[in-house]
Amino acid sequence: GAGKTTLLKILAGEIEATGGRIHLPGRSNVRYFAQHHAEDLSLDRTVLQEVMYASDGTSVERVRAVLGALLFGERSVDKLVSVLSGGERARVALAKILVRPGNVLLMDEPTNHLDLQTTEALTDALATYDGTLLFVSHNRAFIRRLATKLWVVHDGGVESYPGTLDDYLWSCQERDVAPATDTAIKPVPQKRSRQARKEQRRKEAELRAKQNQGVKPLEKRVGTLEQTIARLEQRVAEHNEELSKPEVYDDAKRRDTLLREVQEAQVELDRSFAEWSESNEKLEQLRAEIEAAS
């Protein structure tokens, strides 16, 4: 709610700014990706047709290469958009942007609803992009890999942060504990000071032990969720492969069963991925706290 998406929409020209001004060089070709673009796909086209339609004369070889980078194989590019899962549609929307990215690329949470493998493929593709990339993301690995400059949006403003993401996270932790460290303004007798240091070390050791105990179950949960996600994605892919065969539609019962199972698997997949994202975020935060306390 700080205004990150609004800022991107203003830069993309989707909404008017209420103040200030935007200056872009005359040769800027701005392209914008947002999550809702996956809802604007034409359901009666195949994956290849949908991306070709947006490619503005780009060769079919180039379009296939982009789709391949986003894990659409030779046969899956001929699937109808209507039978794709939510994550697959997000990948099609990304392909429509990447096939003709312009020289200024704005992206709002591009890794949402993507599995781990697709996120890595997208990151690899963007790492070779030679234009200006401005993105909003809560995916720390994605930020670490691609960001060369951080803009922190808070309190109604935008602040340019000079360091890395880890520098910023560390500074936030330091800021949070600063009031406690600034309260000791009176000299303390030496004996009491030694006792205080000993007590502080004991508390820090207890904190590290407690935090380490929290890491293992989180690591186990993240691993379990990754296996679940892989299994569900495989199920969805296999069912979609079946649904791409014309003869399936001659058997209404079989067709309806496949469609229902794809929908059920997709619901479970979305839930599992949301839990994985939350658990992974907690795990990274806990590891950072342990490192800071050591």
C-alpha atoms as a PDB file:
ATOM      1  CA  GLY A   1       0.000   0.000   0.000  1.00  0.00           C
ATOM      2  CA  ALA A   2       3.001   2.348  -0.160  1.00  0.00           C
ATOM      3  CA  GLY A   3       2.416   3.202  -3.819  1.00  0.00           C
ATOM      4  CA  LYS A   4       4.906   1.006  -5.682  1.00  0.00           C
ATOM      5  CA  THR A   5       2.383  -0.272  -8.221  1.00  0.00           C
ATOM      6  CA  THR A   6       0.953   3.219  -8.640  1.00  0.00           C
ATOM      7  CA  LEU A   7       4.430   4.549  -9.399  1.00  0.00           C
ATOM      8  CA  LEU A   8       4.935   1.931 -12.116  1.00  0.00           C
ATOM      9  CA  LYS A   9       1.516   2.678 -13.623  1.00  0.00           C
ATOM     10  CA  ILE A  10       2.369   6.375 -13.767  1.00  0.00           C
ATOM     11  CA  LEU A  11       5.708   5.661 -15.441  1.00  0.00           C
ATOM     12  CA  ALA A  12       3.959   3.327 -17.888  1.00  0.00           C
ATOM     13  CA  GLY A  13       1.380   5.995 -18.710  1.00  0.00           C
ATOM     14  CA  GLU A  14      -1.549   3.901 -17.490  1.00  0.00           C
ATOM     15  CA  ILE A  15      -2.659   6.536 -14.979  1.00  0.00           C
ATOM     16  CA  GLU A  16      -2.088  10.275 -14.661  1.00  0.00           C
ATOM     17  CA  ALA A  17       0.253  11.678 -12.038  1.00  0.00           C
ATOM     18  CA  THR A  18      -1.412  14.061  -9.575  1.00  0.00           C
ATOM     19  CA  GLY A  19       1.778  16.083  -9.226  1.00  0.00           C
ATOM     20  CA  GLY A  20       5.344  16.390 -10.400  1.00  0.00           C
ATOM     21  CA  ARG A  21       6.445  15.497 -13.913  1.00  0.00           C
ATOM     22  CA  ILE A  22       7.846  12.536 -15.838  1.00  0.00           C
ATOM     23  CA  HIS A  23      10.749  12.987 -18.211  1.00  0.00           C
ATOM     24  CA  LEU A  24      11.812  10.143 -20.491  1.00  0.00           C
ATOM     25  CA  PRO A  25      14.419  10.421 -23.260  1.00  0.00           C
ATOM     26  CA  GLY A  26      12.886  10.781 -26.712  1.00  0.00           C
ATOM     27  CA  ARG A  27      13.934   7.309 -27.842  1.00  0.00           C
ATOM     28  CA  SER A  28      12.462   5.524 -24.824  1.00  0.00           C
ATOM     29  CA  ASN A  29      10.281   2.542 -25.705  1.00  0.00           C
ATOM     30  CA  VAL A  30       8.512   1.624 -22.463  1.00  0.00           C
ATOM     31  CA  ARG A  31       7.006  -1.823 -21.905  1.00  0.00           C
ATOM     32  CA  TYR A  32       5.020  -2.722 -18.788  1.00  0.00           C
ATOM     33  CA  PHE A  33       4.203  -6.079 -17.188  1.00  0.00           C
ATOM     34  CA  ALA A  34       1.592  -6.434 -14.447  1.00  0.00           C
ATOM     35  CA  GLN A  35      -0.123  -9.489 -12.984  1.00  0.00           C
ATOM     36  CA  HIS A  36      -3.516  -8.601 -14.460  1.00  0.00           C
ATOM     37  CA  HIS A  37      -2.088  -8.950 -17.980  1.00  0.00           C
ATOM     38  CA  ALA A  38      -2.453 -12.719 -17.594  1.00  0.00           C
ATOM     39  CA  GLU A  39      -6.223 -12.155 -17.429  1.00  0.00           C
ATOM     40  CA  ASP A  40      -6.255 -10.283 -20.751  1.00  0.00           C
ATOM     41  CA  LEU A  41      -5.101 -13.183 -22.940  1.00  0.00           C
ATOM     42  CA  SER A  42      -7.273 -14.427 -25.811  1.00  0.00           C
ATOM     43  CA  LEU A  43      -8.568 -17.826 -24.731  1.00  0.00           C
ATOM     44  CA  ASP A  44      -9.229 -19.079 -28.269  1.00  0.00           C
ATOM     45  CA  ARG A  45      -5.608 -18.735 -29.396  1.00  0.00           C
ATOM     46  CA  THR A  46      -2.747 -21.148 -28.872  1.00  0.00           C
ATOM     47  CA  VAL A  47       0.245 -20.093 -26.777  1.00  0.00           C
ATOM     48  CA  LEU A  48       2.319 -19.517 -29.915  1.00  0.00           C
ATOM     49  CA  GLN A  49      -0.448 -17.564 -31.647  1.00  0.00           C
ATOM     50  CA  GLU A  50      -1.009 -15.333 -28.612  1.00  0.00           C
ATOM     51  CA  VAL A  51       2.660 -14.358 -28.368  1.00  0.00           C
ATOM     52  CA  MET A  52       3.068 -14.005 -32.147  1.00  0.00           C
ATOM     53  CA  TYR A  53       0.090 -11.634 -32.173  1.00  0.00           C
ATOM     54  CA  ALA A  54       1.963  -9.295 -29.812  1.00  0.00           C
ATOM     55  CA  SER A  55       5.388  -9.746 -31.406  1.00  0.00           C
ATOM     56  CA  ASP A  56       5.028  -7.002 -34.051  1.00  0.00           C
ATOM     57  CA  GLY A  57       6.854  -8.827 -36.819  1.00  0.00           C
ATOM     58  CA  THR A  58       9.314 -10.758 -34.659  1.00  0.00           C
ATOM     59  CA  SER A  59      10.330 -14.032 -36.296  1.00  0.00           C
ATOM     60  CA  VAL A  60       8.652 -17.241 -35.198  1.00  0.00           C
ATOM     61  CA  GLU A  61      12.102 -18.597 -34.293  1.00  0.00           C
ATOM     62  CA  ARG A  62      12.629 -15.726 -31.847  1.00  0.00           C
ATOM     63  CA  VAL A  63       9.147 -16.226 -30.356  1.00  0.00           C
ATOM     64  CA  ARG A  64       9.769 -19.951 -29.911  1.00  0.00           C
ATOM     65  CA  ALA A  65      13.126 -19.192 -28.267  1.00  0.00           C
ATOM     66  CA  VAL A  66      11.486 -16.858 -25.737  1.00  0.00           C
ATOM     67  CA  LEU A  67       8.749 -19.396 -25.015  1.00  0.00           C
ATOM     68  CA  GLY A  68      11.377 -22.102 -24.630  1.00  0.00           C
ATOM     69  CA  ALA A  69      13.247 -19.958 -22.105  1.00  0.00           C
ATOM     70  CA  LEU A  70       9.994 -19.804 -20.132  1.00  0.00           C
ATOM     71  CA  LEU A  71       9.690 -23.603 -20.260  1.00  0.00           C
ATOM     72  CA  PHE A  72       7.145 -23.937 -23.072  1.00  0.00           C
ATOM     73  CA  GLY A  73       8.285 -26.916 -25.139  1.00  0.00           C
ATOM     74  CA  GLU A  74       7.557 -27.673 -28.786  1.00  0.00           C
ATOM     75  CA  ARG A  75       4.220 -29.324 -28.075  1.00  0.00           C
ATOM     76  CA  SER A  76       3.044 -27.053 -25.266  1.00  0.00           C
ATOM     77  CA  VAL A  77       3.203 -23.950 -27.508  1.00  0.00           C
ATOM     78  CA  ASP A  78       0.250 -25.420 -29.420  1.00  0.00           C
ATOM     79  CA  LYS A  79      -1.981 -25.608 -26.335  1.00  0.00           C
ATOM     80  CA  LEU A  80      -5.010 -23.361 -26.213  1.00  0.00           C
ATOM     81  CA  VAL A  81      -4.707 -20.557 -23.684  1.00  0.00           C
ATOM     82  CA  SER A  82      -8.097 -21.618 -22.295  1.00  0.00           C
ATOM     83  CA  VAL A  83      -6.662 -24.870 -20.869  1.00  0.00           C
ATOM     84  CA  LEU A  84      -3.605 -23.282 -19.251  1.00  0.00           C
ATOM     85  CA  SER A  85      -3.148 -22.998 -15.495  1.00  0.00           C
ATOM     86  CA  GLY A  86      -2.838 -19.612 -13.817  1.00  0.00           C
ATOM     87  CA  GLY A  87       0.935 -19.939 -13.625  1.00  0.00           C
ATOM     88  CA  GLU A  88       1.179 -20.896 -17.307  1.00  0.00           C
ATOM     89  CA  ARG A  89      -0.911 -17.894 -18.326  1.00  0.00           C
ATOM     90  CA  ALA A  90       1.414 -15.646 -16.329  1.00  0.00           C
ATOM     91  CA  ARG A  91       4.311 -17.114 -18.329  1.00  0.00           C
ATOM     92  CA  VAL A  92       2.514 -16.366 -21.606  1.00  0.00           C
ATOM     93  CA  ALA A  93       1.974 -12.762 -20.493  1.00  0.00           C
ATOM     94  CA  LEU A  94       5.676 -12.534 -19.642  1.00  0.00           C
ATOM     95  CA  ALA A  95       6.614 -13.966 -23.036  1.00  0.00           C
ATOM     96  CA  LYS A  96       4.532 -11.280 -24.761  1.00  0.00           C
ATOM     97  CA  ILE A  97       6.643  -8.668 -23.003  1.00  0.00           C
ATOM     98  CA  LEU A  98      10.032 -10.363 -23.389  1.00  0.00           C
ATOM     99  CA  VAL A  99       9.623 -11.033 -27.097  1.00  0.00           C
ATOM    100  CA  ARG A 100       9.555  -7.261 -27.642  1.00  0.00           C
ATOM    101  CA  PRO A 101      10.890  -5.715 -24.403  1.00  0.00           C
ATOM    102  CA  GLY A 102      11.695  -2.202 -25.643  1.00  0.00           C
ATOM    103  CA  ASN A 103      14.534  -0.348 -23.949  1.00  0.00           C
ATOM    104  CA  VAL A 104      12.692   0.486 -20.706  1.00  0.00           C
ATOM    105  CA  LEU A 105      11.013  -2.477 -19.019  1.00  0.00           C
ATOM    106  CA  LEU A 106       8.681  -1.980 -16.037  1.00  0.00           C
ATOM    107  CA  MET A 107       7.659  -5.094 -14.121  1.00  0.00           C
ATOM    108  CA  ASP A 108       5.285  -5.398 -11.150  1.00  0.00           C
ATOM    109  CA  GLU A 109       5.932  -8.548  -9.073  1.00  0.00           C
ATOM    110  CA  PRO A 110       6.976 -10.611 -12.121  1.00  0.00           C
ATOM    111  CA  THR A 111       7.740 -13.762 -10.093  1.00  0.00           C
ATOM    112  CA  ASN A 112       4.294 -14.036  -8.487  1.00  0.00           C
ATOM    113  CA  HIS A 113       2.561 -17.346  -9.354  1.00  0.00           C
ATOM    114  CA  LEU A 114       5.755 -18.696 -10.961  1.00  0.00           C
ATOM    115  CA  ASP A 115       7.328 -21.940  -9.804  1.00  0.00           C
ATOM    116  CA  LEU A 116      10.999 -22.071  -8.854  1.00  0.00           C
ATOM    117  CA  GLN A 117      12.231 -23.313 -12.220  1.00  0.00           C
ATOM    118  CA  THR A 118      10.335 -20.653 -14.175  1.00  0.00           C
ATOM    119  CA  THR A 119      11.492 -17.934 -11.776  1.00  0.00           C
ATOM    120  CA  GLU A 120      15.085 -18.966 -12.414  1.00  0.00           C
ATOM    121  CA  ALA A 121      14.479 -19.012 -16.179  1.00  0.00           C
ATOM    122  CA  LEU A 122      12.951 -15.529 -16.055  1.00  0.00           C
ATOM    123  CA  THR A 123      15.836 -14.253 -13.938  1.00  0.00           C
ATOM    124  CA  ASP A 124      18.352 -15.645 -16.427  1.00  0.00           C
ATOM    125  CA  ALA A 125      16.499 -13.994 -19.323  1.00  0.00           C
ATOM    126  CA  LEU A 126      16.356 -10.612 -17.584  1.00  0.00           C
ATOM    127  CA  ALA A 127      20.025 -10.819 -16.592  1.00  0.00           C
ATOM    128  CA  THR A 128      20.921 -10.537 -20.297  1.00  0.00           C
ATOM    129  CA  TYR A 129      18.517  -7.645 -20.971  1.00  0.00           C
ATOM    130  CA  ASP A 130      20.509  -4.585 -22.045  1.00  0.00           C
ATOM    131  CA  GLY A 131      17.842  -1.948 -21.448  1.00  0.00           C
ATOM    132  CA  THR A 132      16.683  -0.258 -18.244  1.00  0.00           C
ATOM    133  CA  LEU A 133      14.767  -2.616 -15.960  1.00  0.00           C
ATOM    134  CA  LEU A 134      12.631  -1.157 -13.160  1.00  0.00           C
ATOM    135  CA  PHE A 135      10.782  -3.737 -11.097  1.00  0.00           C
ATOM    136  CA  VAL A 136       8.780  -4.155  -7.900  1.00  0.00           C
ATOM    137  CA  SER A 137       9.417  -7.430  -6.099  1.00  0.00           C
ATOM    138  CA  HIS A 138       9.405  -9.081  -2.676  1.00  0.00           C
ATOM    139  CA  ASN A 139      11.484 -11.999  -3.988  1.00  0.00           C
ATOM    140  CA  ARG A 140      14.854 -11.463  -2.322  1.00  0.00           C
ATOM    141  CA  ALA A 141      16.781 -13.861  -4.565  1.00  0.00           C
ATOM    142  CA  PHE A 142      15.361 -12.106  -7.637  1.00  0.00           C
ATOM    143  CA  ILE A 143      16.340  -8.693  -6.246  1.00  0.00           C
ATOM    144  CA  ARG A 144      19.843  -9.830  -5.288  1.00  0.00           C
ATOM    145  CA  ARG A 145      20.469 -11.191  -8.782  1.00  0.00           C
ATOM    146  CA  LEU A 146      19.179  -8.262 -10.832  1.00  0.00           C
ATOM    147  CA  ALA A 147      19.019  -5.020  -8.848  1.00  0.00           C
ATOM    148  CA  THR A 148      21.884  -2.544  -9.266  1.00  0.00           C
ATOM    149  CA  LYS A 149      20.072   0.268  -7.456  1.00  0.00           C
ATOM    150  CA  LEU A 150      17.340   0.222  -4.801  1.00  0.00           C
ATOM    151  CA  TRP A 151      14.422   2.614  -4.501  1.00  0.00           C
ATOM    152  CA  VAL A 152      12.657   2.358  -1.159  1.00  0.00           C
ATOM    153  CA  VAL A 153       9.018   3.498  -1.294  1.00  0.00           C
ATOM    154  CA  HIS A 154       7.660   4.553   2.101  1.00  0.00           C
ATOM    155  CA  ASP A 155       5.898   7.414   3.889  1.00  0.00           C
ATOM    156  CA  GLY A 156       4.558   8.781   0.613  1.00  0.00           C
ATOM    157  CA  GLY A 157       7.988   9.206  -0.958  1.00  0.00           C
ATOM    158  CA  VAL A 158      10.755   7.405  -2.821  1.00  0.00           C
ATOM    159  CA  GLU A 159      14.271   7.189  -1.417  1.00  0.00           C
ATOM    160  CA  SER A 160      17.277   5.982  -3.398  1.00  0.00           C
ATOM    161  CA  TYR A 161      19.306   3.575  -1.272  1.00  0.00           C
ATOM    162  CA  PRO A 162      23.031   3.442  -2.163  1.00  0.00           C
ATOM    163  CA  GLY A 163      23.816  -0.106  -1.004  1.00  0.00           C
ATOM    164  CA  THR A 164      22.670  -3.642  -1.727  1.00  0.00           C
ATOM    165  CA  LEU A 165      19.495  -5.349  -0.526  1.00  0.00           C
ATOM    166  CA  ASP A 166      21.397  -7.031   2.307  1.00  0.00           C
ATOM    167  CA  ASP A 167      22.869  -3.657   3.315  1.00  0.00           C
ATOM    168  CA  TYR A 168      19.353  -2.243   3.453  1.00  0.00           C
ATOM    169  CA  LEU A 169      17.962  -5.152   5.489  1.00  0.00           C
ATOM    170  CA  TRP A 170      20.888  -4.858   7.903  1.00  0.00           C
ATOM    171  CA  SER A 171      20.338  -1.104   8.276  1.00  0.00           C
ATOM    172  CA  CYS A 172      16.660  -1.737   9.059  1.00  0.00           C
ATOM    173  CA  GLN A 173      17.639  -4.174  11.810  1.00  0.00           C
ATOM    174  CA  GLU A 174      20.155  -1.692  13.211  1.00  0.00           C
ATOM    175  CA  ARG A 175      17.558   1.060  13.169  1.00  0.00           C
ATOM    176  CA  ASP A 176      15.061  -1.139  14.996  1.00  0.00           C
ATOM    177  CA  VAL A 177      17.498  -1.878  17.838  1.00  0.00           C
ATOM    178  CA  ALA A 178      19.058   1.602  17.959  1.00  0.00           C
ATOM    179  CA  PRO A 179      16.752   3.030  20.670  1.00  0.00           C
ATOM    180  CA  ALA A 180      17.719   0.242  23.060  1.00  0.00           C
ATOM    181  CA  THR A 181      21.439   0.853  22.520  1.00  0.00           C
ATOM    182  CA  ASP A 182      21.126   4.609  22.968  1.00  0.00           C
ATOM    183  CA  THR A 183      19.516   4.496  26.421  1.00  0.00           C
ATOM    184  CA  ALA A 184      22.674   3.699  28.381  1.00  0.00           C
ATOM    185  CA  ILE A 185      23.804   7.258  29.174  1.00  0.00           C
ATOM    186  CA  LYS A 186      25.069   6.822  32.733  1.00  0.00           C
ATOM    187  CA  PRO A 187      28.423   5.252  33.584  1.00  0.00           C
ATOM    188  CA  VAL A 188      28.147   1.771  35.076  1.00  0.00           C
ATOM    189  CA  PRO A 189      30.539   0.386  37.685  1.00  0.00           C
ATOM    190  CA  GLN A 190      33.161  -1.944  36.153  1.00  0.00           C
ATOM    191  CA  LYS A 191      31.954  -5.013  38.072  1.00  0.00           C
ATOM    192  CA  ARG A 192      28.382  -4.456  36.973  1.00  0.00           C
ATOM    193  CA  SER A 193      29.584  -3.838  33.418  1.00  0.00           C
ATOM    194  CA  ARG A 194      31.321  -7.240  33.316  1.00  0.00           C
ATOM    195  CA  GLN A 195      28.207  -8.888  34.692  1.00  0.00           C
ATOM    196  CA  ALA A 196      26.090  -7.081  32.105  1.00  0.00           C
ATOM    197  CA  ARG A 197      28.355  -8.236  29.279  1.00  0.00           C
ATOM    198  CA  LYS A 198      28.227 -11.815  30.550  1.00  0.00           C
ATOM    199  CA  GLU A 199      24.447 -11.643  30.776  1.00  0.00           C
ATOM    200  CA  GLN A 200      24.279 -10.138  27.289  1.00  0.00           C
ATOM    201  CA  ARG A 201      26.408 -12.963  25.860  1.00  0.00           C
ATOM    202  CA  ARG A 202      24.180 -15.525  27.568  1.00  0.00           C
ATOM    203  CA  LYS A 203      21.051 -13.928  26.106  1.00  0.00           C
ATOM    204  CA  GLU A 204      22.626 -13.778  22.648  1.00  0.00           C
ATOM    205  CA  ALA A 205      23.576 -17.467  22.874  1.00  0.00           C
ATOM    206  CA  GLU A 206      20.027 -18.347  23.911  1.00  0.00           C
ATOM    207  CA  LEU A 207      18.656 -16.267  21.038  1.00  0.00           C
ATOM    208  CA  ARG A 208      20.920 -17.977  18.494  1.00  0.00           C
ATOM    209  CA  ALA A 209      19.958 -21.412  19.842  1.00  0.00           C
ATOM    210  CA  LYS A 210      16.270 -20.542  19.666  1.00  0.00           C
ATOM    211  CA  GLN A 211      16.633 -19.181  16.148  1.00  0.00           C
ATOM    212  CA  ASN A 212      18.598 -22.228  14.992  1.00  0.00           C
ATOM    213  CA  GLN A 213      15.838 -24.454  16.337  1.00  0.00           C
ATOM    214  CA  GLY A 214      13.413 -22.517  14.146  1.00  0.00           C
ATOM    215  CA  VAL A 215      15.522 -22.943  11.006  1.00  0.00           C
ATOM    216  CA  LYS A 216      15.335 -26.738  10.762  1.00  0.00           C
ATOM    217  CA  PRO A 217      11.527 -27.094  10.729  1.00  0.00           C
ATOM    218  CA  LEU A 218      11.270 -24.225   8.238  1.00  0.00           C
ATOM    219  CA  GLU A 219      13.876 -25.826   5.980  1.00  0.00           C
ATOM    220  CA  LYS A 220      11.980 -29.109   6.175  1.00  0.00           C
ATOM    221  CA  ARG A 221       8.669 -27.396   5.396  1.00  0.00           C
ATOM    222  CA  VAL A 222      10.136 -25.488   2.444  1.00  0.00           C
ATOM    223  CA  GLY A 223      11.596 -28.725   1.066  1.00  0.00           C
ATOM    224  CA  THR A 224       8.275 -30.547   1.457  1.00  0.00           C
ATOM    225  CA  LEU A 225       6.408 -27.722  -0.272  1.00  0.00           C
ATOM    226  CA  GLU A 226       8.880 -27.712  -3.159  1.00  0.00           C
ATOM    227  CA  GLN A 227       8.246 -31.430  -3.666  1.00  0.00           C
ATOM    228  CA  THR A 228       4.480 -30.835  -3.502  1.00  0.00           C
ATOM    229  CA  ILE A 229       4.710 -27.998  -6.020  1.00  0.00           C
ATOM    230  CA  ALA A 230       6.774 -30.130  -8.411  1.00  0.00           C
ATOM    231  CA  ARG A 231       4.281 -33.007  -8.109  1.00  0.00           C
ATOM    232  CA  LEU A 232       1.278 -30.737  -8.737  1.00  0.00           C
ATOM    233  CA  GLU A 233       2.941 -29.029 -11.674  1.00  0.00           C
ATOM    234  CA  GLN A 234       3.670 -32.419 -13.196  1.00  0.00           C
ATOM    235  CA  ARG A 235       0.032 -33.430 -12.739  1.00  0.00           C
ATOM    236  CA  VAL A 236      -1.237 -30.209 -14.330  1.00  0.00           C
ATOM    237  CA  ALA A 237       1.218 -30.563 -17.224  1.00  0.00           C
ATOM    238  CA  GLU A 238       0.174 -34.179 -17.876  1.00  0.00           C
ATOM    239  CA  HIS A 239      -3.528 -33.328 -17.766  1.00  0.00           C
ATOM    240  CA  ASN A 240      -3.052 -30.321 -20.035  1.00  0.00           C
ATOM    241  CA  GLU A 241      -1.152 -32.558 -22.437  1.00  0.00           C
ATOM    242  CA  GLU A 242      -4.185 -34.852 -22.501  1.00  0.00           C
ATOM    243  CA  LEU A 243      -6.535 -31.904 -22.979  1.00  0.00           C
ATOM    244  CA  SER A 244      -4.551 -30.765 -26.009  1.00  0.00           C
ATOM    245  CA  LYS A 245      -5.571 -33.966 -27.849  1.00  0.00           C
ATOM    246  CA  PRO A 246      -8.726 -33.524 -29.981  1.00  0.00           C
ATOM    247  CA  GLU A 247      -9.992 -37.060 -29.264  1.00  0.00           C
ATOM    248  CA  VAL A 248     -10.357 -36.241 -25.551  1.00  0.00           C
ATOM    249  CA  TYR A 249     -13.284 -33.965 -26.380  1.00  0.00           C
ATOM    250  CA  ASP A 250     -15.178 -36.900 -27.898  1.00  0.00           C
ATOM    251  CA  ASP A 251     -15.508 -38.299 -24.366  1.00  0.00           C
ATOM    252  CA  ALA A 252     -17.361 -35.668 -22.338  1.00  0.00           C
ATOM    253  CA  LYS A 253     -16.917 -37.539 -19.057  1.00  0.00           C
ATOM    254  CA  ARG A 254     -13.161 -37.888 -19.530  1.00  0.00           C
ATOM    255  CA  ARG A 255     -12.877 -34.243 -20.595  1.00  0.00           C
ATOM    256  CA  ASP A 256     -14.828 -32.963 -17.593  1.00  0.00           C
ATOM    257  CA  THR A 257     -12.804 -35.140 -15.215  1.00  0.00           C
ATOM    258  CA  LEU A 258      -9.529 -33.793 -16.585  1.00  0.00           C
ATOM    259  CA  LEU A 259     -10.726 -30.190 -16.425  1.00  0.00           C
ATOM    260  CA  ARG A 260     -11.947 -30.644 -12.839  1.00  0.00           C
ATOM    261  CA  GLU A 261      -8.693 -32.275 -11.739  1.00  0.00           C
ATOM    262  CA  VAL A 262      -6.643 -29.525 -13.395  1.00  0.00           C
ATOM    263  CA  GLN A 263      -8.692 -26.898 -11.574  1.00  0.00           C
ATOM    264  CA  GLU A 264      -8.347 -28.708  -8.232  1.00  0.00           C
ATOM    265  CA  ALA A 265      -4.607 -29.171  -8.721  1.00  0.00           C
ATOM    266  CA  GLN A 266      -4.209 -25.505  -9.654  1.00  0.00           C
ATOM    267  CA  VAL A 267      -6.016 -24.384  -6.490  1.00  0.00           C
ATOM    268  CA  GLU A 268      -3.744 -26.602  -4.391  1.00  0.00           C
ATOM    269  CA  LEU A 269      -0.725 -25.414  -6.390  1.00  0.00           C
ATOM    270  CA  ASP A 270      -1.537 -21.751  -5.765  1.00  0.00           C
ATOM    271  CA  ARG A 271      -2.032 -22.439  -2.048  1.00  0.00           C
ATOM    272  CA  SER A 272       1.209 -24.425  -1.812  1.00  0.00           C
ATOM    273  CA  PHE A 273       3.188 -21.789  -3.647  1.00  0.00           C
ATOM    274  CA  ALA A 274       1.794 -19.032  -1.403  1.00  0.00           C
ATOM    275  CA  GLU A 275       2.794 -21.041   1.680  1.00  0.00           C
ATOM    276  CA  TRP A 276       6.222 -21.776   0.151  1.00  0.00           C
ATOM    277  CA  SER A 277       6.778 -18.078  -0.516  1.00  0.00           C
ATOM    278  CA  GLU A 278       5.789 -17.151   3.049  1.00  0.00           C
ATOM    279  CA  SER A 279       7.879 -19.941   4.620  1.00  0.00           C
ATOM    280  CA  ASN A 280      10.891 -19.139   2.459  1.00  0.00           C
ATOM    281  CA  GLU A 281      10.633 -15.471   3.418  1.00  0.00           C
ATOM    282  CA  LYS A 282      10.558 -16.411   7.121  1.00  0.00           C
ATOM    283  CA  LEU A 283      13.525 -18.730   6.621  1.00  0.00           C
ATOM    284  CA  GLU A 284      15.609 -16.027   4.942  1.00  0.00           C
ATOM    285  CA  GLN A 285      14.696 -13.539   7.669  1.00  0.00           C
ATOM    286  CA  LEU A 286      15.595 -16.026  10.407  1.00  0.00           C
ATOM    287  CA  ARG A 287      18.938 -16.787   8.786  1.00  0.00           C
ATOM    288  CA  ALA A 288      19.667 -13.060   8.526  1.00  0.00           C
ATOM    289  CA  GLU A 289      18.830 -12.604  12.233  1.00  0.00           C
ATOM    290  CA  ILE A 290      21.145 -15.479  13.174  1.00  0.00           C
ATOM    291  CA  GLU A 291      23.946 -14.017  11.088  1.00  0.00           C
ATOM    292  CA  ALA A 292      23.418 -10.574  12.616  1.00  0.00           C
ATOM    293  CA  ALA A 293      23.455 -12.014  16.153  1.00  0.00           C
ATOM    294  CA  SER A 294      26.630 -14.034  15.598  1.00  0.00           C
END
